[in-house]
Amino acid sequence: MRIGEAVRQRIEELCQQQNLTVNKLSNISGVTQSTVNNIVSGRNRSATISTIKKLCDGFGITIQEFFESDLFFDLEQEVK
């Protein structure tokens, strides 16, 4: 799995766990709805760490907690 896909799946997982819609996440994190939609749909596969930090703030978790998911273990090498 590549990092963009892992980020997308982690956001979806956290939304489901916290019973949040993409729209609600956008509102509480301060990230535009189009940006969150683009990440979740896979159109944006390179979310910045600043965006991820804002989303983490919306989820009420740390960046460390975001990346502690098994999704981020054994990622594919991005540069070949």
N, C-alpha and C. Protein backbone atom coordinates (compact mmCIF):
# COMPACT_ATOMS: atom_id res chain seq x y z
N MET A 1 0.85 -1.17 0.00
CA MET A 1 0.00 0.00 0.00
C MET A 1 0.89 1.23 0.00
N ARG A 2 0.45 2.25 -0.70
CA ARG A 2 1.17 3.53 -0.76
C ARG A 2 0.64 4.46 0.33
N ILE A 3 1.42 5.46 0.67
CA ILE A 3 1.08 6.35 1.77
C ILE A 3 -0.24 7.08 1.55
N GLY A 4 -0.52 7.53 0.33
CA GLY A 4 -1.76 8.24 0.07
C GLY A 4 -2.99 7.39 0.35
N GLU A 5 -2.91 6.13 -0.03
CA GLU A 5 -4.02 5.20 0.22
C GLU A 5 -4.16 4.92 1.71
N ALA A 6 -3.05 4.81 2.41
CA ALA A 6 -3.10 4.57 3.85
C ALA A 6 -3.72 5.76 4.57
N VAL A 7 -3.37 6.97 4.17
CA VAL A 7 -3.95 8.18 4.77
C VAL A 7 -5.45 8.21 4.52
N ARG A 8 -5.85 7.93 3.29
CA ARG A 8 -7.26 7.92 2.93
C ARG A 8 -8.03 6.92 3.79
N GLN A 9 -7.51 5.70 3.89
CA GLN A 9 -8.20 4.68 4.67
C GLN A 9 -8.25 5.04 6.16
N ARG A 10 -7.17 5.66 6.66
CA ARG A 10 -7.14 6.03 8.08
C ARG A 10 -8.18 7.10 8.37
N ILE A 11 -8.34 8.07 7.49
CA ILE A 11 -9.35 9.11 7.67
C ILE A 11 -10.74 8.49 7.66
N GLU A 12 -10.99 7.61 6.72
CA GLU A 12 -12.30 6.94 6.66
C GLU A 12 -12.55 6.13 7.93
N GLU A 13 -11.53 5.44 8.40
CA GLU A 13 -11.63 4.62 9.62
C GLU A 13 -11.98 5.50 10.82
N LEU A 14 -11.29 6.62 10.96
CA LEU A 14 -11.53 7.51 12.10
C LEU A 14 -12.91 8.18 12.01
N CYS A 15 -13.32 8.53 10.80
CA CYS A 15 -14.67 9.09 10.62
C CYS A 15 -15.72 8.08 11.06
N GLN A 16 -15.54 6.85 10.67
CA GLN A 16 -16.49 5.80 11.04
C GLN A 16 -16.49 5.59 12.56
N GLN A 17 -15.30 5.51 13.16
CA GLN A 17 -15.20 5.30 14.61
C GLN A 17 -15.86 6.43 15.39
N GLN A 18 -15.72 7.65 14.89
CA GLN A 18 -16.25 8.82 15.61
C GLN A 18 -17.60 9.28 15.08
N ASN A 19 -18.16 8.50 14.15
CA ASN A 19 -19.46 8.80 13.57
C ASN A 19 -19.50 10.22 12.98
N LEU A 20 -18.46 10.52 12.18
CA LEU A 20 -18.36 11.83 11.54
C LEU A 20 -18.51 11.69 10.03
N THR A 21 -19.18 12.64 9.43
CA THR A 21 -19.21 12.72 7.98
C THR A 21 -18.01 13.55 7.54
N VAL A 22 -17.69 13.48 6.26
CA VAL A 22 -16.61 14.30 5.71
C VAL A 22 -16.92 15.78 5.92
N ASN A 23 -18.19 16.16 5.76
CA ASN A 23 -18.59 17.54 5.95
C ASN A 23 -18.36 17.99 7.39
N LYS A 24 -18.74 17.16 8.35
CA LYS A 24 -18.55 17.49 9.76
C LYS A 24 -17.07 17.58 10.09
N LEU A 25 -16.27 16.64 9.58
CA LEU A 25 -14.82 16.67 9.80
C LEU A 25 -14.24 17.96 9.24
N SER A 26 -14.69 18.34 8.07
CA SER A 26 -14.23 19.59 7.47
C SER A 26 -14.54 20.78 8.38
N ASN A 27 -15.75 20.83 8.89
CA ASN A 27 -16.16 21.94 9.75
C ASN A 27 -15.35 22.02 11.04
N ILE A 28 -15.09 20.89 11.68
CA ILE A 28 -14.42 20.92 12.98
C ILE A 28 -12.90 21.02 12.85
N SER A 29 -12.37 20.69 11.67
CA SER A 29 -10.91 20.72 11.49
C SER A 29 -10.42 22.00 10.82
N GLY A 30 -11.31 22.69 10.12
CA GLY A 30 -10.90 23.88 9.39
C GLY A 30 -10.29 23.59 8.03
N VAL A 31 -10.35 22.34 7.61
CA VAL A 31 -9.87 21.95 6.28
C VAL A 31 -11.06 22.05 5.33
N THR A 32 -10.85 22.63 4.18
CA THR A 32 -11.98 22.81 3.26
C THR A 32 -12.59 21.46 2.90
N GLN A 33 -13.89 21.50 2.65
CA GLN A 33 -14.59 20.26 2.31
C GLN A 33 -14.04 19.67 1.02
N SER A 34 -13.68 20.52 0.06
CA SER A 34 -13.14 19.99 -1.19
C SER A 34 -11.82 19.26 -0.96
N THR A 35 -10.99 19.77 -0.07
CA THR A 35 -9.72 19.10 0.23
C THR A 35 -9.96 17.74 0.88
N VAL A 36 -10.84 17.70 1.87
CA VAL A 36 -11.14 16.43 2.53
C VAL A 36 -11.77 15.46 1.53
N ASN A 37 -12.69 15.94 0.71
CA ASN A 37 -13.31 15.08 -0.31
C ASN A 37 -12.26 14.54 -1.27
N ASN A 38 -11.32 15.38 -1.68
CA ASN A 38 -10.28 14.94 -2.61
C ASN A 38 -9.37 13.88 -1.99
N ILE A 39 -9.08 14.02 -0.70
CA ILE A 39 -8.26 13.01 -0.02
C ILE A 39 -9.02 11.69 0.08
N VAL A 40 -10.26 11.77 0.54
CA VAL A 40 -11.06 10.56 0.76
C VAL A 40 -11.41 9.86 -0.55
N SER A 41 -11.59 10.62 -1.62
CA SER A 41 -11.92 10.01 -2.91
C SER A 41 -10.69 9.46 -3.63
N GLY A 42 -9.49 9.84 -3.15
CA GLY A 42 -8.28 9.38 -3.80
C GLY A 42 -7.75 10.31 -4.86
N ARG A 43 -8.44 11.43 -5.13
CA ARG A 43 -7.96 12.39 -6.12
C ARG A 43 -6.71 13.11 -5.63
N ASN A 44 -6.60 13.29 -4.32
CA ASN A 44 -5.41 13.89 -3.72
C ASN A 44 -4.70 12.79 -2.93
N ARG A 45 -3.55 12.36 -3.43
CA ARG A 45 -2.81 11.28 -2.78
C ARG A 45 -1.59 11.78 -2.03
N SER A 46 -1.51 13.10 -1.87
CA SER A 46 -0.32 13.66 -1.21
C SER A 46 -0.73 14.79 -0.27
N ALA A 47 -1.55 14.47 0.70
CA ALA A 47 -1.97 15.46 1.69
C ALA A 47 -0.75 15.95 2.47
N THR A 48 -0.70 17.23 2.73
CA THR A 48 0.43 17.78 3.48
C THR A 48 0.32 17.39 4.95
N ILE A 49 1.44 17.44 5.63
CA ILE A 49 1.43 17.14 7.05
C ILE A 49 0.61 18.19 7.80
N SER A 50 0.59 19.42 7.31
CA SER A 50 -0.23 20.47 7.94
C SER A 50 -1.72 20.12 7.85
N THR A 51 -2.14 19.61 6.71
CA THR A 51 -3.53 19.20 6.54
C THR A 51 -3.85 18.02 7.46
N ILE A 52 -2.94 17.06 7.51
CA ILE A 52 -3.17 15.90 8.39
C ILE A 52 -3.24 16.34 9.85
N LYS A 53 -2.39 17.30 10.23
CA LYS A 53 -2.42 17.82 11.61
C LYS A 53 -3.76 18.47 11.91
N LYS A 54 -4.29 19.25 11.00
CA LYS A 54 -5.61 19.88 11.19
C LYS A 54 -6.70 18.82 11.32
N LEU A 55 -6.63 17.79 10.49
CA LEU A 55 -7.61 16.72 10.58
C LEU A 55 -7.50 16.00 11.92
N CYS A 56 -6.27 15.78 12.37
CA CYS A 56 -6.06 15.16 13.69
C CYS A 56 -6.67 16.02 14.79
N ASP A 57 -6.49 17.33 14.70
CA ASP A 57 -7.10 18.23 15.67
C ASP A 57 -8.62 18.07 15.67
N GLY A 58 -9.19 17.94 14.47
CA GLY A 58 -10.63 17.73 14.35
C GLY A 58 -11.07 16.41 14.97
N PHE A 59 -10.24 15.38 14.81
CA PHE A 59 -10.55 14.08 15.40
C PHE A 59 -10.26 14.05 16.90
N GLY A 60 -9.49 15.03 17.37
CA GLY A 60 -9.11 15.05 18.79
C GLY A 60 -8.01 14.05 19.11
N ILE A 61 -7.13 13.81 18.13
CA ILE A 61 -6.03 12.88 18.34
C ILE A 61 -4.72 13.57 17.95
N THR A 62 -3.61 12.95 18.32
CA THR A 62 -2.30 13.46 17.93
C THR A 62 -1.90 12.88 16.58
N ILE A 63 -0.91 13.50 15.97
CA ILE A 63 -0.37 12.95 14.73
C ILE A 63 0.19 11.55 14.99
N GLN A 64 0.82 11.39 16.13
CA GLN A 64 1.36 10.07 16.48
C GLN A 64 0.25 9.02 16.49
N GLU A 65 -0.89 9.35 17.09
CA GLU A 65 -2.02 8.41 17.13
C GLU A 65 -2.53 8.12 15.72
N PHE A 66 -2.53 9.13 14.86
CA PHE A 66 -2.98 8.94 13.49
C PHE A 66 -2.12 7.89 12.79
N PHE A 67 -0.80 8.01 12.94
CA PHE A 67 0.12 7.13 12.22
C PHE A 67 0.42 5.82 12.94
N GLU A 68 -0.12 5.61 14.14
CA GLU A 68 0.09 4.35 14.84
C GLU A 68 -0.73 3.19 14.28
N SER A 69 -1.54 3.44 13.32
CA SER A 69 -2.37 2.41 12.69
C SER A 69 -1.52 1.40 11.91
N ASP A 70 -1.98 0.17 11.89
CA ASP A 70 -1.32 -0.88 11.10
C ASP A 70 -1.26 -0.53 9.61
N LEU A 71 -2.11 0.38 9.17
CA LEU A 71 -2.11 0.79 7.76
C LEU A 71 -0.76 1.34 7.32
N PHE A 72 0.00 1.89 8.27
CA PHE A 72 1.25 2.55 7.93
C PHE A 72 2.47 1.65 8.08
N PHE A 73 2.26 0.39 8.44
CA PHE A 73 3.36 -0.57 8.52
C PHE A 73 3.55 -1.18 7.14
N ASP A 74 4.76 -1.37 6.74
CA ASP A 74 5.10 -2.03 5.47
C ASP A 74 4.54 -1.31 4.25
N LEU A 75 4.65 0.02 4.24
CA LEU A 75 4.23 0.78 3.06
C LEU A 75 5.18 0.51 1.90
N GLU A 76 4.64 0.62 0.69
CA GLU A 76 5.47 0.46 -0.49
C GLU A 76 6.48 1.60 -0.55
N GLN A 77 7.63 1.32 -1.13
CA GLN A 77 8.61 2.36 -1.33
C GLN A 77 8.07 3.30 -2.40
N GLU A 78 8.12 4.60 -2.14
CA GLU A 78 7.57 5.58 -3.06
C GLU A 78 8.52 5.88 -4.23
N VAL A 79 9.81 5.82 -3.98
CA VAL A 79 10.80 6.10 -5.03
C VAL A 79 11.43 4.79 -5.45
N LYS A 80 11.35 4.51 -6.72
CA LYS A 80 11.90 3.24 -7.22
C LYS A 80 12.93 3.51 -8.29
